[in-house]
PDB file of N, CA and C in Angstrom:
ATOM      1  N   MET A   1      14.162  -6.389 151.370  1.00  0.00           N
ATOM      2  CA  MET A   1      12.758  -6.200 151.687  1.00  0.00           C
ATOM      3  C   MET A   1      12.556  -7.247 152.796  1.00  0.00           C
ATOM      4  N   ILE A   2      12.460  -7.442 153.846  1.00  0.00           N
ATOM      5  CA  ILE A   2      11.794  -9.273 154.519  1.00  0.00           C
ATOM      6  C   ILE A   2      10.320  -8.756 155.170  1.00  0.00           C
ATOM      7  N   LYS A   3      10.288 -10.017 154.472  1.00  0.00           N
ATOM      8  CA  LYS A   3       8.753 -10.632 155.138  1.00  0.00           C
ATOM      9  C   LYS A   3       8.502 -10.533 156.244  1.00  0.00           C
ATOM     10  N   PRO A   4       6.634 -10.589 156.598  1.00  0.00           N
ATOM     11  CA  PRO A   4       6.433 -10.457 157.494  1.00  0.00           C
ATOM     12  C   PRO A   4       6.497 -11.288 158.330  1.00  0.00           C
ATOM     13  N   HIS A   5       6.116 -12.634 157.816  1.00  0.00           N
ATOM     14  CA  HIS A   5       5.967 -13.600 158.590  1.00  0.00           C
ATOM     15  C   HIS A   5       7.982 -14.400 158.749  1.00  0.00           C
ATOM     16  N   ARG A   6       8.863 -13.554 158.623  1.00  0.00           N
ATOM     17  CA  ARG A   6       9.733 -13.558 158.878  1.00  0.00           C
ATOM     18  C   ARG A   6      10.384 -12.540 159.906  1.00  0.00           C
ATOM     19  N   ASN A   7       9.906 -12.017 160.523  1.00  0.00           N
ATOM     20  CA  ASN A   7      10.192 -11.559 161.363  1.00  0.00           C
ATOM     21  C   ASN A   7       9.295 -11.352 162.727  1.00  0.00           C
ATOM     22  N   GLN A   8       8.893 -12.756 162.650  1.00  0.00           N
ATOM     23  CA  GLN A   8       8.613 -13.731 163.517  1.00  0.00           C
ATOM     24  C   GLN A   8       8.313 -14.811 165.060  1.00  0.00           C
ATOM     25  N   PRO A   9       9.276 -14.645 165.602  1.00  0.00           N
ATOM     26  CA  PRO A   9      10.008 -15.658 166.715  1.00  0.00           C
ATOM     27  C   PRO A   9      10.091 -17.134 166.655  1.00  0.00           C
ATOM     28  N   LEU A  10       8.638 -17.750 165.875  1.00  0.00           N
ATOM     29  CA  LEU A  10       8.485 -19.469 165.020  1.00  0.00           C
ATOM     30  C   LEU A  10       9.370 -19.490 163.759  1.00  0.00           C
ATOM     31  N   TRP A  11       9.530 -17.990 163.176  1.00  0.00           N
ATOM     32  CA  TRP A  11      10.337 -18.042 162.390  1.00  0.00           C
ATOM     33  C   TRP A  11      11.906 -18.169 162.463  1.00  0.00           C
ATOM     34  N   TYR A  12      11.720 -17.720 163.556  1.00  0.00           N
ATOM     35  CA  TYR A  12      13.741 -17.591 164.260  1.00  0.00           C
ATOM     36  C   TYR A  12      13.933 -18.936 165.432  1.00  0.00           C
ATOM     37  N   ALA A  13      12.871 -19.276 165.175  1.00  0.00           N
ATOM     38  CA  ALA A  13      12.894 -20.998 165.958  1.00  0.00           C
ATOM     39  C   ALA A  13      12.922 -21.941 165.264  1.00  0.00           C
ATOM     40  N   PHE A  14      12.731 -21.834 163.970  1.00  0.00           N
ATOM     41  CA  PHE A  14      12.659 -22.267 162.445  1.00  0.00           C
ATOM     42  C   PHE A  14      14.274 -22.642 162.124  1.00  0.00           C
ATOM     43  N   ILE A  15      14.732 -21.392 161.995  1.00  0.00           N
ATOM     44  CA  ILE A  15      16.552 -20.617 161.534  1.00  0.00           C
ATOM     45  C   ILE A  15      16.777 -21.763 162.697  1.00  0.00           C
ATOM     46  N   LEU A  16      16.920 -21.187 164.036  1.00  0.00           N
ATOM     47  CA  LEU A  16      17.743 -22.055 165.080  1.00  0.00           C
ATOM     48  C   LEU A  16      17.823 -23.686 165.325  1.00  0.00           C
ATOM     49  N   HIS A  17      17.056 -24.309 164.899  1.00  0.00           N
ATOM     50  CA  HIS A  17      16.879 -25.322 164.574  1.00  0.00           C
ATOM     51  C   HIS A  17      17.784 -25.578 163.093  1.00  0.00           C
ATOM     52  N   ARG A  18      17.485 -25.188 162.579  1.00  0.00           N
ATOM     53  CA  ARG A  18      17.941 -25.387 160.769  1.00  0.00           C
ATOM     54  C   ARG A  18      19.291 -25.764 161.267  1.00  0.00           C
ATOM     55  N   PHE A  19      19.665 -24.290 162.354  1.00  0.00           N
ATOM     56  CA  PHE A  19      21.250 -23.673 161.598  1.00  0.00           C
ATOM     57  C   PHE A  19      21.939 -25.200 162.576  1.00  0.00           C
ATOM     58  N   SER A  20      21.245 -25.181 163.489  1.00  0.00           N
ATOM     59  CA  SER A  20      21.853 -26.361 164.719  1.00  0.00           C
ATOM     60  C   SER A  20      21.591 -28.003 163.799  1.00  0.00           C
ATOM     61  N   GLY A  21      21.032 -28.632 162.878  1.00  0.00           N
ATOM     62  CA  GLY A  21      20.756 -29.491 162.185  1.00  0.00           C
ATOM     63  C   GLY A  21      22.575 -29.323 161.549  1.00  0.00           C
ATOM     64  N   ILE A  22      22.524 -28.558 160.568  1.00  0.00           N
ATOM     65  CA  ILE A  22      23.805 -28.276 160.364  1.00  0.00           C
ATOM     66  C   ILE A  22      25.167 -28.238 160.587  1.00  0.00           C
ATOM     67  N   ALA A  23      25.022 -27.707 161.618  1.00  0.00           N
ATOM     68  CA  ALA A  23      25.766 -27.573 162.291  1.00  0.00           C
ATOM     69  C   ALA A  23      26.843 -28.599 163.090  1.00  0.00           C
ATOM     70  N   LEU A  24      25.468 -29.259 163.692  1.00  0.00           N
ATOM     71  CA  LEU A  24      25.762 -30.643 164.183  1.00  0.00           C
ATOM     72  C   LEU A  24      26.200 -31.931 163.096  1.00  0.00           C
ATOM     73  N   ALA A  25      25.195 -31.669 162.158  1.00  0.00           N
ATOM     74  CA  ALA A  25      26.134 -32.619 160.635  1.00  0.00           C
ATOM     75  C   ALA A  25      26.963 -32.232 160.684  1.00  0.00           C
ATOM     76  N   VAL A  26      28.316 -30.946 160.386  1.00  0.00           N
ATOM     77  CA  VAL A  26      29.491 -30.788 159.866  1.00  0.00           C
ATOM     78  C   VAL A  26      30.411 -31.484 161.230  1.00  0.00           C
ATOM     79  N   PHE A  27      30.074 -31.760 162.885  1.00  0.00           N
ATOM     80  CA  PHE A  27      30.638 -31.497 163.695  1.00  0.00           C
ATOM     81  C   PHE A  27      30.838 -32.988 163.592  1.00  0.00           C
ATOM     82  N   LEU A  28      29.984 -34.560 163.454  1.00  0.00           N
ATOM     83  CA  LEU A  28      30.099 -35.427 163.731  1.00  0.00           C
ATOM     84  C   LEU A  28      30.635 -36.179 163.050  1.00  0.00           C
ATOM     85  N   PRO A  29      30.960 -35.795 161.376  1.00  0.00           N
ATOM     86  CA  PRO A  29      32.724 -36.644 160.683  1.00  0.00           C
ATOM     87  C   PRO A  29      33.900 -36.152 161.475  1.00  0.00           C
ATOM     88  N   LEU A  30      34.196 -35.108 161.860  1.00  0.00           N
ATOM     89  CA  LEU A  30      35.105 -34.846 163.034  1.00  0.00           C
ATOM     90  C   LEU A  30      35.177 -35.661 164.421  1.00  0.00           C
ATOM     91  N   HIS A  31      34.181 -35.687 164.871  1.00  0.00           N
ATOM     92  CA  HIS A  31      33.652 -36.419 166.326  1.00  0.00           C
ATOM     93  C   HIS A  31      34.427 -37.870 165.407  1.00  0.00           C
ATOM     94  N   PHE A  32      34.330 -38.335 164.845  1.00  0.00           N
ATOM     95  CA  PHE A  32      34.702 -39.687 164.763  1.00  0.00           C
ATOM     96  C   PHE A  32      35.781 -39.865 163.966  1.00  0.00           C
ATOM     97  N   TYR A  33      35.680 -38.777 163.168  1.00  0.00           N
ATOM     98  CA  TYR A  33      37.462 -38.893 163.088  1.00  0.00           C
ATOM     99  C   TYR A  33      37.909 -39.666 164.384  1.00  0.00           C
ATOM    100  N   VAL A  34      37.868 -38.943 165.088  1.00  0.00           N
ATOM    101  CA  VAL A  34      38.874 -38.207 166.130  1.00  0.00           C
ATOM    102  C   VAL A  34      38.875 -39.889 167.092  1.00  0.00           C
ATOM    103  N   LEU A  35      37.646 -40.398 167.133  1.00  0.00           N
ATOM    104  CA  LEU A  35      37.051 -41.469 167.595  1.00  0.00           C
ATOM    105  C   LEU A  35      38.218 -42.593 167.237  1.00  0.00           C
ATOM    106  N   GLY A  36      37.916 -42.653 165.767  1.00  0.00           N
ATOM    107  CA  GLY A  36      38.607 -43.093 165.038  1.00  0.00           C
ATOM    108  C   GLY A  36      40.099 -43.569 165.167  1.00  0.00           C
ATOM    109  N   LEU A  37      40.561 -42.323 166.170  1.00  0.00           N
ATOM    110  CA  LEU A  37      42.119 -42.043 166.121  1.00  0.00           C
ATOM    111  C   LEU A  37      42.074 -42.690 167.238  1.00  0.00           C
ATOM    112  N   SER A  38      41.224 -42.978 168.368  1.00  0.00           N
ATOM    113  CA  SER A  38      41.131 -43.020 169.938  1.00  0.00           C
ATOM    114  C   SER A  38      41.134 -44.757 169.847  1.00  0.00           C
ATOM    115  N   ILE A  39      41.428 -45.535 168.732  1.00  0.00           N
ATOM    116  CA  ILE A  39      41.316 -46.848 167.888  1.00  0.00           C
ATOM    117  C   ILE A  39      42.392 -47.807 167.268  1.00  0.00           C
ATOM    118  N   ASN A  40      42.955 -45.880 166.277  1.00  0.00           N
ATOM    119  CA  ASN A  40      43.691 -46.746 165.874  1.00  0.00           C
ATOM    120  C   ASN A  40      45.538 -45.757 165.554  1.00  0.00           C
ATOM    121  N   ASN A  41      45.193 -45.209 166.516  1.00  0.00           N
ATOM    122  CA  ASN A  41      46.308 -43.967 166.439  1.00  0.00           C
ATOM    123  C   ASN A  41      46.299 -43.185 167.288  1.00  0.00           C
ATOM    124  N   SER A  42      46.971 -44.207 168.549  1.00  0.00           N
ATOM    125  CA  SER A  42      46.876 -43.214 170.237  1.00  0.00           C
ATOM    126  C   SER A  42      47.859 -42.405 170.354  1.00  0.00           C
ATOM    127  N   LYS A  43      49.317 -42.186 169.404  1.00  0.00           N
ATOM    128  CA  LYS A  43      49.579 -40.794 169.849  1.00  0.00           C
ATOM    129  C   LYS A  43      48.620 -39.643 169.233  1.00  0.00           C
ATOM    130  N   ASP A  44      48.703 -39.379 168.101  1.00  0.00           N
ATOM    131  CA  ASP A  44      47.524 -38.407 167.709  1.00  0.00           C
ATOM    132  C   ASP A  44      46.270 -38.359 168.097  1.00  0.00           C
ATOM    133  N   PHE A  45      45.961 -39.067 168.941  1.00  0.00           N
ATOM    134  CA  PHE A  45      44.435 -39.271 169.509  1.00  0.00           C
ATOM    135  C   PHE A  45      44.866 -38.585 171.406  1.00  0.00           C
ATOM    136  N   ASP A  46      46.194 -38.829 171.493  1.00  0.00           N
ATOM    137  CA  ASP A  46      46.787 -37.842 172.967  1.00  0.00           C
ATOM    138  C   ASP A  46      46.797 -35.780 172.031  1.00  0.00           C
ATOM    139  N   LYS A  47      47.515 -36.130 170.934  1.00  0.00           N
ATOM    140  CA  LYS A  47      47.707 -34.536 170.235  1.00  0.00           C
ATOM    141  C   LYS A  47      46.296 -33.347 170.478  1.00  0.00           C
ATOM    142  N   VAL A  48      45.541 -34.531 169.582  1.00  0.00           N
ATOM    143  CA  VAL A  48      44.048 -34.323 169.357  1.00  0.00           C
ATOM    144  C   VAL A  48      43.183 -34.019 171.380  1.00  0.00           C
ATOM    145  N   MET A  49      43.389 -34.563 172.293  1.00  0.00           N
ATOM    146  CA  MET A  49      43.079 -34.486 173.681  1.00  0.00           C
ATOM    147  C   MET A  49      43.875 -33.253 174.411  1.00  0.00           C
ATOM    148  N   HIS A  50      45.484 -33.076 174.004  1.00  0.00           N
ATOM    149  CA  HIS A  50      45.782 -31.938 174.718  1.00  0.00           C
ATOM    150  C   HIS A  50      44.998 -31.039 174.279  1.00  0.00           C
ATOM    151  N   TRP A  51      45.488 -30.605 172.566  1.00  0.00           N
ATOM    152  CA  TRP A  51      44.561 -29.328 172.246  1.00  0.00           C
ATOM    153  C   TRP A  51      43.611 -29.403 172.522  1.00  0.00           C
ATOM    154  N   ALA A  52      42.352 -29.976 172.725  1.00  0.00           N
ATOM    155  CA  ALA A  52      40.899 -30.262 173.179  1.00  0.00           C
ATOM    156  C   ALA A  52      41.347 -29.591 174.727  1.00  0.00           C
ATOM    157  N   GLU A  53      42.643 -29.137 176.138  1.00  0.00           N
ATOM    158  CA  GLU A  53      42.480 -29.061 177.376  1.00  0.00           C
ATOM    159  C   GLU A  53      42.162 -27.036 176.805  1.00  0.00           C
ATOM    160  N   GLN A  54      42.198 -26.775 175.573  1.00  0.00           N
ATOM    161  CA  GLN A  54      42.417 -25.453 175.451  1.00  0.00           C
ATOM    162  C   GLN A  54      40.584 -25.097 176.626  1.00  0.00           C
ATOM    163  N   PRO A  55      41.326 -23.627 176.674  1.00  0.00           N
ATOM    164  CA  PRO A  55      39.438 -22.975 177.447  1.00  0.00           C
ATOM    165  C   PRO A  55      39.374 -22.538 176.077  1.00  0.00           C
ATOM    166  N   TRP A  56      39.547 -21.920 174.779  1.00  0.00           N
ATOM    167  CA  TRP A  56      38.735 -21.531 173.699  1.00  0.00           C
ATOM    168  C   TRP A  56      38.053 -22.615 173.259  1.00  0.00           C
ATOM    169  N   VAL A  57      38.714 -24.132 173.471  1.00  0.00           N
ATOM    170  CA  VAL A  57      37.921 -24.898 173.454  1.00  0.00           C
ATOM    171  C   VAL A  57      36.525 -25.442 173.747  1.00  0.00           C
ATOM    172  N   LYS A  58      37.029 -24.978 175.323  1.00  0.00           N
ATOM    173  CA  LYS A  58      36.141 -25.646 176.388  1.00  0.00           C
ATOM    174  C   LYS A  58      34.870 -24.565 175.867  1.00  0.00           C
ATOM    175  N   LEU A  59      34.734 -23.521 175.844  1.00  0.00           N
ATOM    176  CA  LEU A  59      33.748 -22.683 175.457  1.00  0.00           C
ATOM    177  C   LEU A  59      32.824 -23.264 173.937  1.00  0.00           C
ATOM    178  N   ALA A  60      33.891 -23.545 172.983  1.00  0.00           N
ATOM    179  CA  ALA A  60      32.631 -24.208 172.218  1.00  0.00           C
ATOM    180  C   ALA A  60      32.299 -25.464 171.692  1.00  0.00           C
ATOM    181  N   GLU A  61      32.923 -26.364 173.375  1.00  0.00           N
ATOM    182  CA  GLU A  61      32.050 -27.558 173.917  1.00  0.00           C
ATOM    183  C   GLU A  61      30.424 -27.398 173.671  1.00  0.00           C
ATOM    184  N   PHE A  62      31.148 -25.800 175.000  1.00  0.00           N
ATOM    185  CA  PHE A  62      29.465 -25.085 175.408  1.00  0.00           C
ATOM    186  C   PHE A  62      28.339 -24.687 174.276  1.00  0.00           C
ATOM    187  N   GLY A  63      28.766 -24.293 172.944  1.00  0.00           N
ATOM    188  CA  GLY A  63      28.500 -24.392 171.834  1.00  0.00           C
ATOM    189  C   GLY A  63      27.862 -25.305 170.873  1.00  0.00           C
ATOM    190  N   LEU A  64      28.616 -26.063 171.779  1.00  0.00           N
ATOM    191  CA  LEU A  64      28.238 -27.633 170.950  1.00  0.00           C
ATOM    192  C   LEU A  64      26.804 -28.624 171.975  1.00  0.00           C
ATOM    193  N   VAL A  65      27.462 -28.186 172.652  1.00  0.00           N
ATOM    194  CA  VAL A  65      25.944 -28.326 173.226  1.00  0.00           C
ATOM    195  C   VAL A  65      24.949 -27.977 173.309  1.00  0.00           C
ATOM    196  N   PHE A  66      25.018 -26.528 173.567  1.00  0.00           N
ATOM    197  CA  PHE A  66      23.881 -25.652 172.930  1.00  0.00           C
ATOM    198  C   PHE A  66      23.054 -25.847 172.187  1.00  0.00           C
ATOM    199  N   LEU A  67      24.047 -25.900 171.209  1.00  0.00           N
ATOM    200  CA  LEU A  67      23.449 -26.469 169.642  1.00  0.00           C
ATOM    201  C   LEU A  67      22.604 -27.897 169.418  1.00  0.00           C
ATOM    202  N   LEU A  68      23.334 -28.897 170.376  1.00  0.00           N
ATOM    203  CA  LEU A  68      22.302 -29.915 170.438  1.00  0.00           C
ATOM    204  C   LEU A  68      21.454 -30.083 170.859  1.00  0.00           C
ATOM    205  N   ALA A  69      21.298 -29.458 172.275  1.00  0.00           N
ATOM    206  CA  ALA A  69      19.839 -29.015 172.705  1.00  0.00           C
ATOM    207  C   ALA A  69      18.692 -28.153 172.576  1.00  0.00           C
ATOM    208  N   VAL A  70      19.654 -27.462 171.845  1.00  0.00           N
ATOM    209  CA  VAL A  70      18.352 -26.482 170.786  1.00  0.00           C
ATOM    210  C   VAL A  70      18.034 -27.971 169.762  1.00  0.00           C
ATOM    211  N   HIS A  71      18.696 -28.519 169.421  1.00  0.00           N
ATOM    212  CA  HIS A  71      17.964 -29.408 168.422  1.00  0.00           C
ATOM    213  C   HIS A  71      16.895 -30.280 169.219  1.00  0.00           C
ATOM    214  N   LEU A  72      17.702 -30.888 170.109  1.00  0.00           N
ATOM    215  CA  LEU A  72      16.792 -31.603 170.197  1.00  0.00           C
ATOM    216  C   LEU A  72      15.238 -30.458 171.219  1.00  0.00           C
ATOM    217  N   PHE A  73      14.906 -30.227 172.045  1.00  0.00           N
ATOM    218  CA  PHE A  73      14.127 -29.431 172.483  1.00  0.00           C
ATOM    219  C   PHE A  73      12.847 -28.498 171.614  1.00  0.00           C
ATOM    220  N   GLY A  74      13.788 -28.276 170.506  1.00  0.00           N
ATOM    221  CA  GLY A  74      13.694 -27.536 168.974  1.00  0.00           C
ATOM    222  C   GLY A  74      12.763 -29.132 168.558  1.00  0.00           C
ATOM    223  N   GLY A  75      13.007 -30.115 168.317  1.00  0.00           N
ATOM    224  CA  GLY A  75      12.790 -30.390 167.541  1.00  0.00           C
ATOM    225  C   GLY A  75      11.319 -31.741 168.599  1.00  0.00           C
ATOM    226  N   LEU A  76      11.243 -31.704 170.227  1.00  0.00           N
ATOM    227  CA  LEU A  76      10.773 -32.002 170.719  1.00  0.00           C
ATOM    228  C   LEU A  76       9.090 -30.799 170.432  1.00  0.00           C
ATOM    229  N   ARG A  77       9.378 -30.119 170.099  1.00  0.00           N
ATOM    230  CA  ARG A  77       8.449 -28.927 170.164  1.00  0.00           C
ATOM    231  C   ARG A  77       8.123 -28.900 168.413  1.00  0.00           C
ATOM    232  N   LEU A  78       8.678 -28.971 167.766  1.00  0.00           N
ATOM    233  CA  LEU A  78       8.103 -29.252 166.984  1.00  0.00           C
ATOM    234  C   LEU A  78       7.031 -30.972 166.596  1.00  0.00           C
ATOM    235  N   LEU A  79       7.471 -32.148 167.206  1.00  0.00           N
ATOM    236  CA  LEU A  79       6.780 -33.244 167.262  1.00  0.00           C
ATOM    237  C   LEU A  79       5.688 -32.575 168.343  1.00  0.00           C
ATOM    238  N   ALA A  80       5.715 -32.053 169.430  1.00  0.00           N
ATOM    239  CA  ALA A  80       4.080 -31.543 169.726  1.00  0.00           C
ATOM    240  C   ALA A  80       3.571 -30.344 168.779  1.00  0.00           C
ATOM    241  N   LEU A  81       4.176 -30.000 167.897  1.00  0.00           N
ATOM    242  CA  LEU A  81       3.168 -28.792 166.929  1.00  0.00           C
ATOM    243  C   LEU A  81       2.771 -30.458 166.250  1.00  0.00           C
ATOM    244  N   GLU A  82       3.052 -31.006 165.927  1.00  0.00           N
ATOM    245  CA  GLU A  82       2.592 -32.283 164.893  1.00  0.00           C
ATOM    246  C   GLU A  82       1.649 -33.064 165.496  1.00  0.00           C
ATOM    247  N   PHE A  83       2.008 -33.831 166.571  1.00  0.00           N
ATOM    248  CA  PHE A  83       0.632 -34.439 167.115  1.00  0.00           C
ATOM    249  C   PHE A  83      -0.070 -34.074 168.309  1.00  0.00           C
ATOM    250  N   LEU A  84      -0.248 -32.634 167.855  1.00  0.00           N
ATOM    251  CA  LEU A  84      -1.222 -32.129 169.488  1.00  0.00           C
ATOM    252  C   LEU A  84      -1.998 -31.248 168.184  1.00  0.00           C
ATOM    253  N   PRO A  85      -2.552 -30.705 169.182  1.00  0.00           N
ATOM    254  CA  PRO A  85      -3.829 -29.679 168.330  1.00  0.00           C
ATOM    255  C   PRO A  85      -3.026 -28.286 168.623  1.00  0.00           C
ATOM    256  N   TRP A  86      -3.184 -27.334 167.557  1.00  0.00           N
ATOM    257  CA  TRP A  86      -2.351 -26.183 167.764  1.00  0.00           C
ATOM    258  C   TRP A  86      -2.814 -25.679 168.542  1.00  0.00           C
ATOM    259  N   ARG A  87      -1.896 -24.843 169.335  1.00  0.00           N
ATOM    260  CA  ARG A  87      -2.270 -23.643 170.240  1.00  0.00           C
ATOM    261  C   ARG A  87      -1.394 -22.439 169.882  1.00  0.00           C
ATOM    262  N   SER A  88      -1.708 -21.297 170.906  1.00  0.00           N
ATOM    263  CA  SER A  88      -1.698 -19.744 170.464  1.00  0.00           C
ATOM    264  C   SER A  88      -0.094 -19.737 171.349  1.00  0.00           C
ATOM    265  N   SER A  89      -0.158 -20.802 172.205  1.00  0.00           N
ATOM    266  CA  SER A  89       1.551 -20.476 173.317  1.00  0.00           C
ATOM    267  C   SER A  89       2.617 -20.754 171.618  1.00  0.00           C
ATOM    268  N   GLN A  90       2.256 -21.880 170.723  1.00  0.00           N
ATOM    269  CA  GLN A  90       3.274 -22.561 170.215  1.00  0.00           C
ATOM    270  C   GLN A  90       4.637 -20.598 170.260  1.00  0.00           C
ATOM    271  N   LYS A  91       4.444 -19.817 170.114  1.00  0.00           N
ATOM    272  CA  LYS A  91       5.918 -18.552 170.410  1.00  0.00           C
ATOM    273  C   LYS A  91       6.787 -19.127 172.017  1.00  0.00           C
ATOM    274  N   THR A  92       5.968 -19.723 173.251  1.00  0.00           N
ATOM    275  CA  THR A  92       6.371 -19.710 174.527  1.00  0.00           C
ATOM    276  C   THR A  92       7.049 -20.622 174.435  1.00  0.00           C
ATOM    277  N   TYR A  93       6.643 -21.629 174.168  1.00  0.00           N
ATOM    278  CA  TYR A  93       6.898 -23.421 173.695  1.00  0.00           C
ATOM    279  C   TYR A  93       8.345 -22.978 173.249  1.00  0.00           C
ATOM    280  N   ALA A  94       8.498 -22.081 172.092  1.00  0.00           N
ATOM    281  CA  ALA A  94      10.019 -22.109 171.525  1.00  0.00           C
ATOM    282  C   ALA A  94      10.616 -21.282 172.035  1.00  0.00           C
ATOM    283  N   ALA A  95      10.578 -20.630 172.904  1.00  0.00           N
ATOM    284  CA  ALA A  95      11.461 -19.834 173.780  1.00  0.00           C
ATOM    285  C   ALA A  95      12.066 -20.364 175.164  1.00  0.00           C
ATOM    286  N   ILE A  96      10.761 -21.546 175.747  1.00  0.00           N
ATOM    287  CA  ILE A  96      11.296 -21.899 176.364  1.00  0.00           C
ATOM    288  C   ILE A  96      12.610 -23.156 175.849  1.00  0.00           C
ATOM    289  N   ALA A  97      12.329 -23.638 174.662  1.00  0.00           N
ATOM    290  CA  ALA A  97      13.139 -24.454 174.498  1.00  0.00           C
ATOM    291  C   ALA A  97      14.348 -24.072 174.395  1.00  0.00           C
ATOM    292  N   VAL A  98      14.688 -22.652 173.463  1.00  0.00           N
ATOM    293  CA  VAL A  98      16.104 -22.222 173.901  1.00  0.00           C
ATOM    294  C   VAL A  98      16.186 -22.090 175.204  1.00  0.00           C
ATOM    295  N   ALA A  99      15.565 -21.308 175.798  1.00  0.00           N
ATOM    296  CA  ALA A  99      15.772 -21.444 177.577  1.00  0.00           C
ATOM    297  C   ALA A  99      16.346 -22.326 178.729  1.00  0.00           C
ATOM    298  N   LEU A 100      15.740 -23.770 178.015  1.00  0.00           N
ATOM    299  CA  LEU A 100      16.307 -24.942 178.808  1.00  0.00           C
ATOM    300  C   LEU A 100      17.563 -25.571 177.962  1.00  0.00           C
ATOM    301  N   ALA A 101      17.809 -25.388 176.486  1.00  0.00           N
ATOM    302  CA  ALA A 101      18.467 -25.420 176.052  1.00  0.00           C
ATOM    303  C   ALA A 101      20.268 -24.978 176.523  1.00  0.00           C
ATOM    304  N   PHE A 102      19.908 -23.147 177.133  1.00  0.00           N
ATOM    305  CA  PHE A 102      21.485 -22.082 177.715  1.00  0.00           C
ATOM    306  C   PHE A 102      21.443 -22.953 179.131  1.00  0.00           C
ATOM    307  N   LEU A 103      20.095 -23.513 179.637  1.00  0.00           N
ATOM    308  CA  LEU A 103      20.939 -23.820 180.768  1.00  0.00           C
ATOM    309  C   LEU A 103      21.424 -24.939 180.841  1.00  0.00           C
ATOM    310  N   LEU A 104      20.942 -25.931 179.644  1.00  0.00           N
ATOM    311  CA  LEU A 104      21.968 -27.776 180.244  1.00  0.00           C
ATOM    312  C   LEU A 104      22.912 -26.859 179.294  1.00  0.00           C
ATOM    313  N   ALA A 105      23.441 -26.672 178.633  1.00  0.00           N
ATOM    314  CA  ALA A 105      24.706 -25.706 178.221  1.00  0.00           C
ATOM    315  C   ALA A 105      25.329 -24.836 179.259  1.00  0.00           C
ATOM    316  N   THR A 106      24.581 -24.547 179.792  1.00  0.00           N
ATOM    317  CA  THR A 106      25.668 -23.507 180.794  1.00  0.00           C
ATOM    318  C   THR A 106      25.630 -24.150 182.285  1.00  0.00           C
ATOM    319  N   GLY A 107      25.465 -25.218 182.207  1.00  0.00           N
ATOM    320  CA  GLY A 107      25.597 -26.366 182.845  1.00  0.00           C
ATOM    321  C   GLY A 107      26.734 -27.321 183.262  1.00  0.00           C
ATOM    322  N   PHE A 108      26.544 -27.635 181.497  1.00  0.00           N
ATOM    323  CA  PHE A 108      28.069 -28.144 181.019  1.00  0.00           C
ATOM    324  C   PHE A 108      29.051 -27.308 181.223  1.00  0.00           C
ATOM    325  N   LEU A 109      28.837 -26.425 180.708  1.00  0.00           N
ATOM    326  CA  LEU A 109      30.237 -25.695 180.542  1.00  0.00           C
ATOM    327  C   LEU A 109      30.288 -24.653 182.210  1.00  0.00           C
ATOM    328  N   LEU A 110      29.971 -25.171 183.633  1.00  0.00           N
ATOM    329  CA  LEU A 110      30.070 -24.901 184.613  1.00  0.00           C
ATOM    330  C   LEU A 110      30.647 -26.363 185.091  1.00  0.00           C
ATOM    331  N   ARG A 111      30.041 -27.550 184.539  1.00  0.00           N
ATOM    332  CA  ARG A 111      30.641 -28.815 185.458  1.00  0.00           C
ATOM    333  C   ARG A 111      32.571 -29.112 184.625  1.00  0.00           C
ATOM    334  N   VAL A 112      32.624 -28.560 183.264  1.00  0.00           N
ATOM    335  CA  VAL A 112      33.869 -28.855 182.316  1.00  0.00           C
ATOM    336  C   VAL A 112      34.955 -28.001 183.240  1.00  0.00           C
ATOM    337  N   PHE A 113      33.840 -26.447 183.666  1.00  0.00           N
ATOM    338  CA  PHE A 113      35.792 -25.578 184.004  1.00  0.00           C
ATOM    339  C   PHE A 113      35.798 -26.056 185.716  1.00  0.00           C
ATOM    340  N   GLN A 114      34.622 -26.587 186.511  1.00  0.00           N
ATOM    341  CA  GLN A 114      35.044 -27.477 187.553  1.00  0.00           C
ATOM    342  C   GLN A 114      35.675 -28.156 187.850  1.00  0.00           C
ATOM    343  N   ALA A 115      36.473 -29.539 186.519  1.00  0.00           N
ATOM    344  CA  ALA A 115      37.132 -30.242 186.370  1.00  0.00           C
ATOM    345  C   ALA A 115      38.624 -29.988 185.964  1.00  0.00           C
TER     346      ALA A 115
END
């Protein structure tokens, strides 16, 4: 049975913010590993960069930028919630955060496929 508070837009904003934070925490060690390859092993780094040119990797980058933007804008929304007076428009702020994240990630995707 779904609890009533878990069927609210702000609950979904919380879940999305938590999921994006966990996904970014999983991605960062891999990112640092690849950066380390650029310093220590240029041949392996070149292989990774060649692999990263595939279209599905570019789409995954869209997802990464979306998660990063969702986490950023969701965090800003939480800061506003913490330090500003409560407003009934918190659901609107959550929707704006997701919309801005989607627009930012879509802009990134379009720029990547133009190059």
